Amino acid sequence: MAACYITGMQSGARQALAAKTLKTLRREYPDARVALTYSSPLELLVATILSAQCTDKRVNELTGSLFRKYRTAKDYAEADPATLEQDIRPAGFFRNKARNIQGCCRMLVERFHGQVPGTMEELTQLPGVGRKTANVILGACFNVPGITVDTHVLRLSCRLGLTRQHDPVKVESDLQKLLPRASWTFFSNALIQHGRSVCAARKPRCPDCAMNRFCPSAVYLLPCKSGYIRVVIYTVTLNPALDRTIYVDGLKPFDANRILREERYAGGKGIDVSRALKELDTESIALGFIGGFAGSELEGRLLNDGIASEFTPIQGETRVNVIIHDSTSARETSLLAQGPEVQPFEIIKLVQKIESLDKPEFVIVSGSLPVGVNPEIYRKILTLARTKGARTVLDTEVPALNVGLRAKPTLLKPNVYELGRFAGRELTTTEEIVAWGVKLRDAGAEIVLVSMGANGIIMITDRVKLHARPPEVKVVSTVGAGDSAVAGFVYGLTRNLEHAECLKWAVAAGSAATLCLGNGVCRWNDAAELVTRVETKPL
């Protein structure tokens, strides 16, 4: 997935993010350079070898006397190994580093006339010299652009969303694709300086960071007494389901139909939002009711997908939905179970769970109601979430929509059919859809998203009315498209994007979900590519 991620973003959002990062680094660290003290390529080579698992400050304290004692490659090559080990002992791992320094210098004397070569191929032939060390030397001493991927560059590149790789060579390749070649050396040096001064590994100072407005990781951190805590997104699915997708080759009535294959997923609208958020590299915690063996399997599948959950157990059995996909006709038939009856004491347990949430940032309530639960539960959950400072999202159908609307959700996402049920009639024109969307906003919703399938999404706020259309795609399934759209919009909000950009992500994620069979969740590389082709126009 990571390789597709890079390709899809290179000409769009990812490259724009790299450009913002570079511009900010130039402003904040205009004189960024290698922090090691040196006066020749040989001194920088030795200092870089010493800097492994050691701070540059400690290396600089050591090399003043070291460089006065050893002035040429021959001096190092002919030195007594035990003496050299003691001379560099403060840098740590001194025996291994002494071997590498002497091995390098012997090769310099034997093959390069005692001089440090100026090409990547030649430098990486030296013992203990990899691409990282070579890039340091080439950029600082020979003006050959290179990206040095040390621990700071690796950590910050991932945090900034410039790569999903963890192998330094692959990270270097990803960054080279995104940045102008002439900026490579500066970018490395500036990012290293930023990592040391602001974006520390354990306690990054996000409020003080010049990149916190566009860094995708910054918004997950809020100040607290001990440093920073991650922003928490909760999804609430009151009527979850274990979804079974069955594939057949030509569904024949009144005949035995052989199943080609079967897939099982944790389902339900809120859970699908969590799964889509996970695909968009955004963590969430799933809440709701589960019971029985199906409930246990659902929870286990979420765990295997890397999604946290804190479900409320019930006595009834979690429902099982069946989706039949006919590969011959490309048609899908959904058989949706009603679900278990939830007892009043079980409802109260869930309410108490919502009351106990600690500083939630988002609470997303989606889907149908199980048997025995009054729509008033949605108003209760949303109201509790708002009192805790959370931004709230509601995606459900009438009459639960009408009741939940009284809690004034931050975001309300009906599809055009649900909006028609709210209006009491079919809505056939854009003007009608906008007019009734405005009524929803006036009734308490801050943002209204009306999803219209292939026709995109209309967004209505107090400042703007926008219609976003997706690019044409080959639809293979519409299952979960609306849930991925919700995830896309919330993804944008967590990144502090403007509402118009959040809308593009909603459309892109929803469209990406239609490209996937079975699980009804968008894929990151599809959404990242589609978002650059979403068109918006004011209404």
Protein backbone atom coordinates (compact mmCIF):
# COMPACT_ATOMS: atom_id res chain seq x y z
CA MET A 1 0.00 0.00 0.00
CA ALA A 2 2.81 2.39 0.81
CA ALA A 3 4.19 2.42 -2.73
CA CYS A 4 0.77 3.28 -4.18
CA TYR A 5 0.38 5.94 -1.53
CA ILE A 6 3.47 7.75 -2.77
CA THR A 7 2.52 7.51 -6.42
CA GLY A 8 -1.03 8.69 -5.90
CA MET A 9 -0.02 11.75 -3.85
CA GLN A 10 3.06 12.84 -5.75
CA SER A 11 1.25 15.27 -8.04
CA GLY A 12 -1.34 16.34 -5.51
CA ALA A 13 -1.78 16.65 -1.78
CA ARG A 14 1.47 14.91 -0.79
CA GLN A 15 3.63 17.07 -3.00
CA ALA A 16 1.83 20.18 -1.76
CA LEU A 17 2.53 19.03 1.81
CA ALA A 18 6.22 18.59 0.98
CA ALA A 19 6.32 22.09 -0.52
CA LYS A 20 4.73 23.59 2.63
CA THR A 21 7.22 21.72 4.79
CA LEU A 22 10.20 22.93 2.77
CA LYS A 23 8.94 26.53 2.76
CA THR A 24 8.48 26.48 6.54
CA LEU A 25 11.90 24.94 7.14
CA ARG A 26 13.53 27.65 4.99
CA ARG A 27 11.83 30.31 7.08
CA GLU A 28 12.57 28.73 10.46
CA TYR A 29 16.07 27.37 9.80
CA PRO A 30 17.59 29.43 6.97
CA ASP A 31 21.17 28.55 7.95
CA ALA A 32 20.66 24.87 8.66
CA ARG A 33 23.82 22.85 8.22
CA VAL A 34 25.53 19.75 9.54
CA ALA A 35 25.89 20.12 13.31
CA LEU A 36 29.21 18.27 13.42
CA THR A 37 32.40 20.37 13.59
CA TYR A 38 34.88 19.68 10.77
CA SER A 39 37.30 21.39 8.42
CA SER A 40 37.84 18.68 5.78
CA PRO A 41 36.00 15.72 4.21
CA LEU A 42 38.18 13.35 6.26
CA GLU A 43 37.24 15.04 9.53
CA LEU A 44 33.54 14.92 8.62
CA LEU A 45 33.86 11.23 7.69
CA VAL A 46 35.39 10.40 11.07
CA ALA A 47 32.92 12.60 12.97
CA THR A 48 29.96 11.00 11.20
CA ILE A 49 31.16 7.50 12.07
CA LEU A 50 31.54 8.59 15.69
CA SER A 51 28.04 10.11 15.75
CA ALA A 52 26.32 6.72 15.48
CA GLN A 53 24.37 6.19 18.75
CA CYS A 54 25.96 9.38 20.08
CA THR A 55 24.90 13.03 20.18
CA ASP A 56 26.60 15.53 17.88
CA LYS A 57 27.40 17.65 20.94
CA ARG A 58 29.38 14.82 22.52
CA VAL A 59 31.17 14.11 19.22
CA ASN A 60 32.16 17.79 18.84
CA GLU A 61 33.57 17.80 22.38
CA LEU A 62 35.71 14.82 21.43
CA THR A 63 36.92 15.68 17.94
CA GLY A 64 38.78 18.90 18.80
CA SER A 65 41.70 17.01 20.33
CA LEU A 66 41.21 13.99 18.06
CA PHE A 67 41.63 16.00 14.86
CA ARG A 68 44.78 17.67 16.22
CA LYS A 69 46.30 14.25 16.88
CA TYR A 70 45.20 12.50 13.66
CA ARG A 71 45.56 14.81 10.65
CA THR A 72 45.59 12.39 7.70
CA ALA A 73 44.04 9.12 6.68
CA LYS A 74 47.47 7.54 7.09
CA ASP A 75 47.61 8.69 10.72
CA TYR A 76 44.40 6.80 11.49
CA ALA A 77 45.40 3.76 9.40
CA GLU A 78 48.73 3.33 11.17
CA ALA A 79 47.51 4.16 14.69
CA ASP A 80 47.69 1.60 17.45
CA PRO A 81 44.12 0.21 17.66
CA ALA A 82 44.06 0.25 21.46
CA THR A 83 45.21 3.87 21.54
CA LEU A 84 42.59 4.93 19.00
CA GLU A 85 39.91 3.11 20.97
CA GLN A 86 40.79 5.07 24.08
CA ASP A 87 40.88 8.34 22.13
CA ILE A 88 37.28 7.85 20.93
CA ARG A 89 35.95 5.99 23.98
CA PRO A 90 33.56 8.84 25.06
CA ALA A 91 31.60 8.37 21.81
CA GLY A 92 30.50 4.87 22.82
CA PHE A 93 30.83 1.59 20.88
CA PHE A 94 34.48 2.61 20.60
CA ARG A 95 35.90 -0.75 19.51
CA ASN A 96 33.54 -1.10 16.54
CA LYS A 97 33.94 2.57 15.60
CA ALA A 98 37.74 2.33 15.81
CA ARG A 99 37.67 -0.68 13.46
CA ASN A 100 35.48 1.22 10.98
CA ILE A 101 37.62 4.35 11.11
CA GLN A 102 40.82 2.40 10.55
CA GLY A 103 39.23 0.26 7.85
CA CYS A 104 38.01 3.37 6.02
CA CYS A 105 41.34 5.11 6.28
CA ARG A 106 43.31 2.07 5.09
CA MET A 107 41.10 1.90 2.01
CA LEU A 108 41.49 5.65 1.47
CA VAL A 109 45.27 5.26 1.55
CA GLU A 110 45.32 2.16 -0.64
CA ARG A 111 42.71 3.09 -3.25
CA PHE A 112 42.09 6.84 -3.11
CA HIS A 113 45.53 8.34 -2.37
CA GLY A 114 44.46 9.23 1.15
CA GLN A 115 41.59 11.42 -0.05
CA VAL A 116 37.87 11.03 0.62
CA PRO A 117 36.13 10.25 -2.71
CA GLY A 118 33.21 12.36 -3.93
CA THR A 119 30.72 9.81 -5.27
CA MET A 120 28.07 7.69 -3.61
CA GLU A 121 29.40 4.51 -5.22
CA GLU A 122 32.93 5.04 -3.94
CA LEU A 123 31.95 6.23 -0.48
CA THR A 124 29.68 3.26 0.21
CA GLN A 125 32.59 0.91 -0.52
CA LEU A 126 34.31 2.16 2.63
CA PRO A 127 33.87 0.02 5.75
CA GLY A 128 31.09 1.31 8.00
CA VAL A 129 29.87 3.88 5.46
CA GLY A 130 26.27 3.58 4.28
CA ARG A 131 24.04 5.92 2.33
CA LYS A 132 23.34 8.11 5.37
CA THR A 133 27.02 8.87 6.01
CA ALA A 134 27.70 9.22 2.30
CA ASN A 135 24.90 11.75 1.85
CA VAL A 136 26.23 13.81 4.78
CA ILE A 137 29.69 14.00 3.22
CA LEU A 138 28.51 14.56 -0.36
CA GLY A 139 26.17 17.37 0.59
CA ALA A 140 28.48 19.18 3.02
CA CYS A 141 31.84 18.76 1.27
CA PHE A 142 31.13 18.20 -2.43
CA ASN A 143 27.86 20.13 -2.96
CA VAL A 144 26.18 16.96 -4.22
CA PRO A 145 22.51 17.06 -3.11
CA GLY A 146 21.45 14.15 -0.95
CA ILE A 147 18.84 13.31 1.68
CA THR A 148 20.34 12.07 4.92
CA VAL A 149 17.84 9.77 6.63
CA ASP A 150 18.81 9.65 10.28
CA THR A 151 16.44 8.96 13.17
CA HIS A 152 15.10 12.54 13.12
CA VAL A 153 14.41 12.60 9.38
CA LEU A 154 12.81 9.16 9.56
CA ARG A 155 10.56 10.09 12.48
CA LEU A 156 9.50 13.51 11.17
CA SER A 157 8.92 12.33 7.61
CA CYS A 158 6.44 9.78 8.93
CA ARG A 159 4.80 12.27 11.28
CA LEU A 160 4.44 14.81 8.50
CA GLY A 161 2.86 12.21 6.24
CA LEU A 162 5.61 12.41 3.62
CA THR A 163 6.20 8.66 3.73
CA ARG A 164 4.78 5.49 5.22
CA GLN A 165 8.04 3.62 4.88
CA HIS A 166 10.37 2.78 7.77
CA ASP A 167 13.37 1.58 5.80
CA PRO A 168 15.83 4.53 5.42
CA VAL A 169 16.60 3.76 1.78
CA LYS A 170 12.89 3.70 0.89
CA VAL A 171 12.27 6.88 2.88
CA GLU A 172 15.10 8.56 0.98
CA SER A 173 13.53 7.48 -2.31
CA ASP A 174 10.10 8.77 -1.28
CA LEU A 175 11.46 12.17 -0.28
CA GLN A 176 13.51 12.48 -3.45
CA LYS A 177 10.30 12.14 -5.47
CA LEU A 178 8.62 14.95 -3.55
CA LEU A 179 11.38 17.58 -3.22
CA PRO A 180 13.43 19.61 -5.72
CA ARG A 181 16.89 18.04 -6.02
CA ALA A 182 18.66 21.25 -5.10
CA SER A 183 16.86 21.29 -1.73
CA TRP A 184 17.74 17.77 -0.61
CA THR A 185 20.75 18.61 1.58
CA PHE A 186 19.10 21.64 3.18
CA PHE A 187 15.89 19.72 3.82
CA SER A 188 17.75 17.00 5.71
CA ASN A 189 19.75 19.41 7.82
CA ALA A 190 16.74 21.60 8.64
CA LEU A 191 14.50 18.65 9.48
CA ILE A 192 17.18 17.24 11.78
CA GLN A 193 17.42 20.61 13.53
CA HIS A 194 13.63 20.76 13.87
CA GLY A 195 13.57 17.25 15.31
CA ARG A 196 16.12 18.19 17.95
CA SER A 197 14.63 21.53 18.94
CA VAL A 198 10.85 21.01 18.59
CA CYS A 199 9.61 17.63 17.35
CA ALA A 200 11.17 15.34 19.95
CA ALA A 201 10.48 11.61 19.87
CA ARG A 202 8.61 11.30 23.17
CA LYS A 203 7.21 14.76 23.85
CA PRO A 204 6.90 16.82 20.66
CA ARG A 205 6.08 20.48 21.32
CA CYS A 206 3.24 20.69 18.80
CA PRO A 207 1.80 24.03 20.02
CA ASP A 208 5.23 25.63 19.42
CA CYS A 209 5.71 24.03 16.00
CA ALA A 210 5.60 26.23 12.90
CA MET A 211 4.13 23.30 10.97
CA ASN A 212 1.27 22.45 13.31
CA ARG A 213 -1.33 23.93 10.95
CA PHE A 214 -0.66 21.33 8.27
CA CYS A 215 1.18 18.49 10.02
CA PRO A 216 -1.24 15.51 10.04
CA SER A 217 0.13 14.33 13.40
CA ALA A 218 -0.05 17.63 15.27
CA VAL A 219 -3.81 17.67 15.73
CA TYR A 220 -3.67 14.37 17.55
CA LEU A 221 -1.81 15.99 20.42
CA LEU A 222 -3.27 18.17 23.15
CA PRO A 223 -1.29 19.71 26.03
CA CYS A 224 -1.62 18.14 29.44
CA LYS A 225 0.37 18.23 32.68
CA SER A 226 2.70 15.42 31.65
CA GLY A 227 3.27 16.60 28.08
CA TYR A 228 0.76 15.75 25.36
CA ILE A 229 -2.11 13.32 24.88
CA ARG A 230 -3.60 12.00 21.68
CA VAL A 231 -6.91 13.35 20.47
CA VAL A 232 -9.58 10.64 20.73
CA ILE A 233 -12.29 9.91 18.17
CA TYR A 234 -15.17 7.67 19.21
CA THR A 235 -17.64 5.99 16.89
CA VAL A 236 -20.96 4.73 18.28
CA THR A 237 -22.77 1.83 16.60
CA LEU A 238 -25.86 0.80 18.52
CA ASN A 239 -26.82 -1.97 16.10
CA PRO A 240 -23.55 -3.47 14.83
CA ALA A 241 -23.44 -6.53 12.63
CA LEU A 242 -21.17 -9.29 11.54
CA ASP A 243 -21.29 -8.90 7.76
CA ARG A 244 -21.01 -12.01 5.58
CA THR A 245 -20.31 -11.26 1.93
CA ILE A 246 -21.03 -14.27 -0.26
CA TYR A 247 -19.80 -14.42 -3.86
CA VAL A 248 -21.70 -16.49 -6.43
CA ASP A 249 -21.39 -16.88 -10.17
CA GLY A 250 -24.91 -16.23 -11.40
CA LEU A 251 -27.64 -16.30 -8.74
CA LYS A 252 -30.33 -18.69 -9.96
CA PRO A 253 -33.76 -18.70 -8.24
CA PHE A 254 -35.21 -22.09 -7.25
CA ASP A 255 -31.82 -23.75 -7.80
CA ALA A 256 -28.80 -24.75 -5.75
CA ASN A 257 -26.18 -21.98 -5.96
CA ARG A 258 -22.58 -22.77 -5.14
CA ILE A 259 -20.65 -20.22 -3.11
CA LEU A 260 -17.39 -19.21 -4.77
CA ARG A 261 -15.99 -17.64 -1.62
CA GLU A 262 -17.12 -15.94 1.56
CA GLU A 263 -15.70 -13.01 3.50
CA ARG A 264 -16.66 -11.83 6.98
CA TYR A 265 -16.23 -8.34 8.39
CA ALA A 266 -17.11 -6.35 11.47
CA GLY A 267 -19.96 -4.14 10.25
CA GLY A 268 -22.43 -1.45 11.16
CA LYS A 269 -22.24 2.16 10.06
CA GLY A 270 -20.21 3.52 12.96
CA ILE A 271 -17.82 0.57 12.81
CA ASP A 272 -17.42 1.14 9.07
CA VAL A 273 -16.49 4.74 9.85
CA SER A 274 -13.81 3.45 12.26
CA ARG A 275 -12.47 1.07 9.63
CA ALA A 276 -12.38 3.84 7.01
CA LEU A 277 -10.64 6.19 9.47
CA LYS A 278 -8.05 3.49 10.08
CA GLU A 279 -7.44 3.25 6.35
CA LEU A 280 -7.01 7.05 6.34
CA ASP A 281 -4.32 6.70 9.02
CA THR A 282 -6.60 8.05 11.76
CA GLU A 283 -7.21 6.20 15.01
CA SER A 284 -10.61 5.83 16.68
CA ILE A 285 -12.31 3.79 19.39
CA ALA A 286 -15.51 1.89 18.55
CA LEU A 287 -18.39 1.91 21.05
CA GLY A 288 -21.78 0.21 20.94
CA PHE A 289 -23.63 -2.97 21.89
CA ILE A 290 -22.38 -6.50 21.17
CA GLY A 291 -23.50 -9.91 22.37
CA GLY A 292 -23.09 -13.63 21.80
CA PHE A 293 -20.67 -15.49 19.57
CA ALA A 294 -21.25 -13.14 16.64
CA GLY A 295 -20.42 -10.20 18.90
CA SER A 296 -17.22 -11.86 20.05
CA GLU A 297 -16.20 -12.55 16.47
CA LEU A 298 -16.98 -8.94 15.52
CA GLU A 299 -14.81 -7.61 18.35
CA GLY A 300 -12.00 -9.99 17.44
CA ARG A 301 -12.08 -8.96 13.79
CA LEU A 302 -11.82 -5.31 14.79
CA LEU A 303 -8.86 -6.17 16.98
CA ASN A 304 -7.17 -7.90 14.04
CA ASP A 305 -7.81 -4.77 11.98
CA GLY A 306 -5.99 -2.70 14.59
CA ILE A 307 -9.13 -0.87 15.75
CA ALA A 308 -9.67 -0.30 19.47
CA SER A 309 -13.11 -0.94 20.94
CA GLU A 310 -14.90 -0.55 24.25
CA PHE A 311 -18.23 -2.24 23.58
CA THR A 312 -21.07 -2.63 26.06
CA PRO A 313 -22.04 -6.32 26.37
CA ILE A 314 -25.70 -7.34 26.03
CA GLN A 315 -27.59 -10.57 26.53
CA GLY A 316 -28.85 -10.77 22.95
CA GLU A 317 -26.90 -12.04 19.94
CA THR A 318 -25.28 -9.51 17.59
CA ARG A 319 -27.00 -9.65 14.21
CA VAL A 320 -25.48 -11.19 11.10
CA ASN A 321 -26.04 -9.49 7.73
CA VAL A 322 -25.67 -11.32 4.44
CA ILE A 323 -24.54 -9.58 1.25
CA ILE A 324 -24.78 -11.70 -1.90
CA HIS A 325 -22.56 -10.57 -4.77
CA ASP A 326 -23.39 -12.01 -8.18
CA SER A 327 -20.22 -11.81 -10.26
CA THR A 328 -22.14 -12.52 -13.47
CA SER A 329 -24.53 -9.58 -13.21
CA ALA A 330 -22.34 -7.47 -10.85
CA ARG A 331 -25.44 -7.06 -8.66
CA GLU A 332 -25.49 -7.12 -4.89
CA THR A 333 -28.36 -8.21 -2.68
CA SER A 334 -28.26 -7.24 0.99
CA LEU A 335 -30.18 -9.21 3.61
CA LEU A 336 -30.08 -7.07 6.75
CA ALA A 337 -31.06 -8.62 10.07
CA GLN A 338 -33.12 -6.66 12.58
CA GLY A 339 -30.78 -7.24 15.48
CA PRO A 340 -31.20 -8.18 19.14
CA GLU A 341 -33.45 -6.51 21.66
CA VAL A 342 -31.50 -4.30 24.05
CA GLN A 343 -32.65 -4.18 27.66
CA PRO A 344 -33.08 -0.87 29.54
CA PHE A 345 -30.25 -1.63 32.00
CA GLU A 346 -27.94 -2.30 29.05
CA ILE A 347 -28.86 1.09 27.55
CA ILE A 348 -27.92 2.79 30.81
CA LYS A 349 -24.54 1.05 30.80
CA LEU A 350 -23.77 2.57 27.41
CA VAL A 351 -24.94 6.01 28.57
CA GLN A 352 -22.60 5.71 31.55
CA LYS A 353 -19.78 4.80 29.17
CA ILE A 354 -20.41 8.01 27.20
CA GLU A 355 -20.50 10.00 30.45
CA SER A 356 -17.11 8.60 31.43
CA LEU A 357 -15.30 9.55 28.19
CA ASP A 358 -12.21 11.62 28.89
CA LYS A 359 -11.94 14.71 26.68
CA PRO A 360 -13.26 13.24 23.43
CA GLU A 361 -12.51 15.28 20.32
CA PHE A 362 -15.11 13.66 18.06
CA VAL A 363 -18.10 11.45 18.78
CA ILE A 364 -19.62 9.93 15.64
CA VAL A 365 -23.05 8.31 15.96
CA SER A 366 -24.17 6.27 12.97
CA GLY A 367 -26.65 3.64 11.91
CA SER A 368 -29.99 2.14 12.82
CA LEU A 369 -31.45 1.49 16.25
CA PRO A 370 -31.74 -2.00 17.72
CA VAL A 371 -35.02 -3.38 18.99
CA GLY A 372 -36.07 -1.87 22.30
CA VAL A 373 -34.12 1.39 21.93
CA ASN A 374 -35.94 4.71 21.56
CA PRO A 375 -34.51 7.33 19.15
CA GLU A 376 -34.10 9.59 22.19
CA ILE A 377 -30.85 7.71 22.85
CA TYR A 378 -29.21 9.58 19.98
CA ARG A 379 -30.11 12.97 21.44
CA LYS A 380 -28.81 11.80 24.82
CA ILE A 381 -25.46 10.58 23.44
CA LEU A 382 -24.88 13.67 21.31
CA THR A 383 -25.81 16.03 24.14
CA LEU A 384 -23.45 14.29 26.56
CA ALA A 385 -20.65 14.42 24.00
CA ARG A 386 -21.17 18.14 23.40
CA THR A 387 -21.04 18.88 27.13
CA LYS A 388 -17.59 17.26 27.14
CA GLY A 389 -16.42 19.55 24.34
CA ALA A 390 -16.58 16.99 21.54
CA ARG A 391 -17.53 17.76 17.98
CA THR A 392 -20.43 15.46 17.12
CA VAL A 393 -21.50 13.69 13.94
CA LEU A 394 -24.88 12.08 13.24
CA ASP A 395 -25.61 9.77 10.33
CA THR A 396 -28.93 7.98 10.68
CA GLU A 397 -32.41 7.81 9.21
CA VAL A 398 -35.78 9.30 10.08
CA PRO A 399 -37.18 9.32 12.80
CA ALA A 400 -33.90 8.99 14.74
CA LEU A 401 -32.50 11.82 12.61
CA ASN A 402 -35.27 14.18 13.74
CA VAL A 403 -34.62 13.40 17.41
CA GLY A 404 -30.83 13.54 17.18
CA LEU A 405 -31.06 16.89 15.39
CA ARG A 406 -32.29 18.45 18.64
CA ALA A 407 -28.80 17.91 20.09
CA LYS A 408 -27.38 20.31 17.45
CA PRO A 409 -24.71 18.04 15.96
CA THR A 410 -21.59 19.54 14.42
CA LEU A 411 -22.11 17.46 11.29
CA LEU A 412 -25.28 15.85 9.97
CA LYS A 413 -25.03 13.53 6.96
CA PRO A 414 -28.29 12.32 5.46
CA ASN A 415 -28.33 10.86 1.98
CA VAL A 416 -30.79 12.33 -0.51
CA TYR A 417 -33.38 9.64 0.24
CA GLU A 418 -33.20 10.23 3.99
CA LEU A 419 -33.51 13.96 3.36
CA GLY A 420 -36.60 13.23 1.27
CA ARG A 421 -38.12 11.27 4.14
CA PHE A 422 -37.40 14.23 6.41
CA ALA A 423 -39.15 16.47 3.88
CA GLY A 424 -42.03 14.05 3.45
CA ARG A 425 -41.58 13.81 -0.30
CA GLU A 426 -39.08 12.87 -3.00
CA LEU A 427 -36.52 15.57 -3.77
CA THR A 428 -35.59 15.65 -7.44
CA THR A 429 -33.76 18.93 -8.04
CA THR A 430 -30.64 20.53 -6.62
CA GLU A 431 -32.68 23.52 -5.51
CA GLU A 432 -35.01 21.29 -3.46
CA ILE A 433 -32.10 19.43 -1.89
CA VAL A 434 -30.38 22.68 -0.92
CA ALA A 435 -33.60 24.16 0.46
CA TRP A 436 -34.26 21.19 2.72
CA GLY A 437 -30.60 20.98 3.67
CA VAL A 438 -30.84 24.58 4.85
CA LYS A 439 -33.84 23.58 6.97
CA LEU A 440 -31.68 20.94 8.68
CA ARG A 441 -28.97 23.49 9.33
CA ASP A 442 -31.49 25.99 10.67
CA ALA A 443 -32.85 23.25 12.94
CA GLY A 444 -29.49 22.95 14.69
CA ALA A 445 -26.85 21.19 12.57
CA GLU A 446 -23.71 23.27 11.98
CA ILE A 447 -22.70 21.43 8.80
CA VAL A 448 -25.05 19.42 6.58
CA LEU A 449 -23.69 16.95 4.03
CA VAL A 450 -26.25 15.48 1.63
CA SER A 451 -24.77 12.51 -0.19
CA MET A 452 -26.20 11.76 -3.64
CA GLY A 453 -24.32 8.73 -4.88
CA ALA A 454 -22.60 9.31 -8.22
CA ASN A 455 -23.76 12.94 -8.16
CA GLY A 456 -21.49 13.71 -5.22
CA ILE A 457 -22.20 15.60 -2.03
CA ILE A 458 -23.80 18.96 -1.28
CA MET A 459 -22.40 20.77 1.76
CA ILE A 460 -24.36 23.48 3.53
CA THR A 461 -22.91 25.66 6.31
CA ASP A 462 -23.80 29.12 7.57
CA ARG A 463 -21.23 30.59 5.17
CA VAL A 464 -21.25 28.47 2.04
CA LYS A 465 -23.18 26.00 -0.08
CA LEU A 466 -20.94 23.78 -2.18
CA HIS A 467 -21.55 20.90 -4.56
CA ALA A 468 -18.62 18.47 -4.90
CA ARG A 469 -18.63 15.95 -7.73
CA PRO A 470 -16.44 12.85 -7.83
CA PRO A 471 -14.42 11.83 -10.88
CA GLU A 472 -15.92 9.03 -12.92
CA VAL A 473 -14.95 5.65 -11.50
CA LYS A 474 -15.87 2.06 -12.22
CA VAL A 475 -18.22 1.23 -9.36
CA VAL A 476 -18.06 -2.34 -8.11
CA SER A 477 -20.01 -1.89 -4.86
CA THR A 478 -21.79 0.95 -3.08
CA VAL A 479 -21.69 -0.73 0.35
CA GLY A 480 -20.16 1.59 2.95
CA ALA A 481 -19.64 4.56 0.63
CA GLY A 482 -21.55 6.92 2.93
CA ASP A 483 -19.58 5.78 5.96
CA SER A 484 -16.29 6.33 4.16
CA ALA A 485 -17.53 9.80 3.20
CA VAL A 486 -18.12 10.60 6.88
CA ALA A 487 -14.63 9.32 7.65
CA GLY A 488 -13.16 11.45 4.87
CA PHE A 489 -14.78 14.63 6.19
CA VAL A 490 -13.68 13.92 9.77
CA TYR A 491 -10.18 13.13 8.46
CA GLY A 492 -10.08 16.64 7.02
CA LEU A 493 -11.34 18.20 10.24
CA THR A 494 -8.65 16.45 12.29
CA ARG A 495 -6.06 17.95 9.93
CA ASN A 496 -7.51 21.46 10.38
CA LEU A 497 -8.43 21.66 6.70
CA GLU A 498 -10.94 24.18 5.44
CA HIS A 499 -14.48 22.83 5.08
CA ALA A 500 -14.18 22.89 1.28
CA GLU A 501 -11.12 20.61 1.50
CA CYS A 502 -12.87 18.36 4.01
CA LEU A 503 -15.71 18.05 1.50
CA LYS A 504 -13.26 16.93 -1.19
CA TRP A 505 -11.93 14.24 1.14
CA ALA A 506 -15.47 13.11 1.91
CA VAL A 507 -16.24 12.71 -1.79
CA ALA A 508 -12.90 11.07 -2.51
CA ALA A 509 -13.19 8.57 0.35
CA GLY A 510 -16.81 7.76 -0.54
CA SER A 511 -15.88 7.22 -4.19
CA ALA A 512 -12.87 5.13 -3.20
CA ALA A 513 -15.16 2.82 -1.24
CA THR A 514 -17.13 2.05 -4.39
CA LEU A 515 -13.99 0.55 -5.92
CA CYS A 516 -13.80 -2.16 -3.24
CA LEU A 517 -15.75 -5.38 -3.11
CA GLY A 518 -17.01 -6.82 0.14
CA ASN A 519 -15.75 -4.75 3.03
CA GLY A 520 -17.26 -1.40 2.05
CA VAL A 521 -14.23 0.66 3.10
CA CYS A 522 -12.10 3.02 1.07
CA ARG A 523 -8.42 2.37 0.45
CA TRP A 524 -5.98 5.16 1.21
CA ASN A 525 -4.18 5.16 -2.13
CA ASP A 526 -7.50 5.36 -4.03
CA ALA A 527 -8.80 8.23 -1.88
CA ALA A 528 -5.49 10.10 -2.07
CA GLU A 529 -5.52 9.89 -5.86
CA LEU A 530 -9.21 10.78 -6.25
CA VAL A 531 -9.12 13.82 -3.97
CA THR A 532 -6.98 15.68 -6.50
CA ARG A 533 -9.73 15.23 -9.12
CA VAL A 534 -12.80 16.17 -7.09
CA GLU A 535 -14.49 19.27 -8.50
CA THR A 536 -16.45 21.76 -6.40
CA LYS A 537 -18.72 24.64 -7.32
CA PRO A 538 -20.68 27.10 -5.19
CA LEU A 539 -24.47 26.93 -5.19
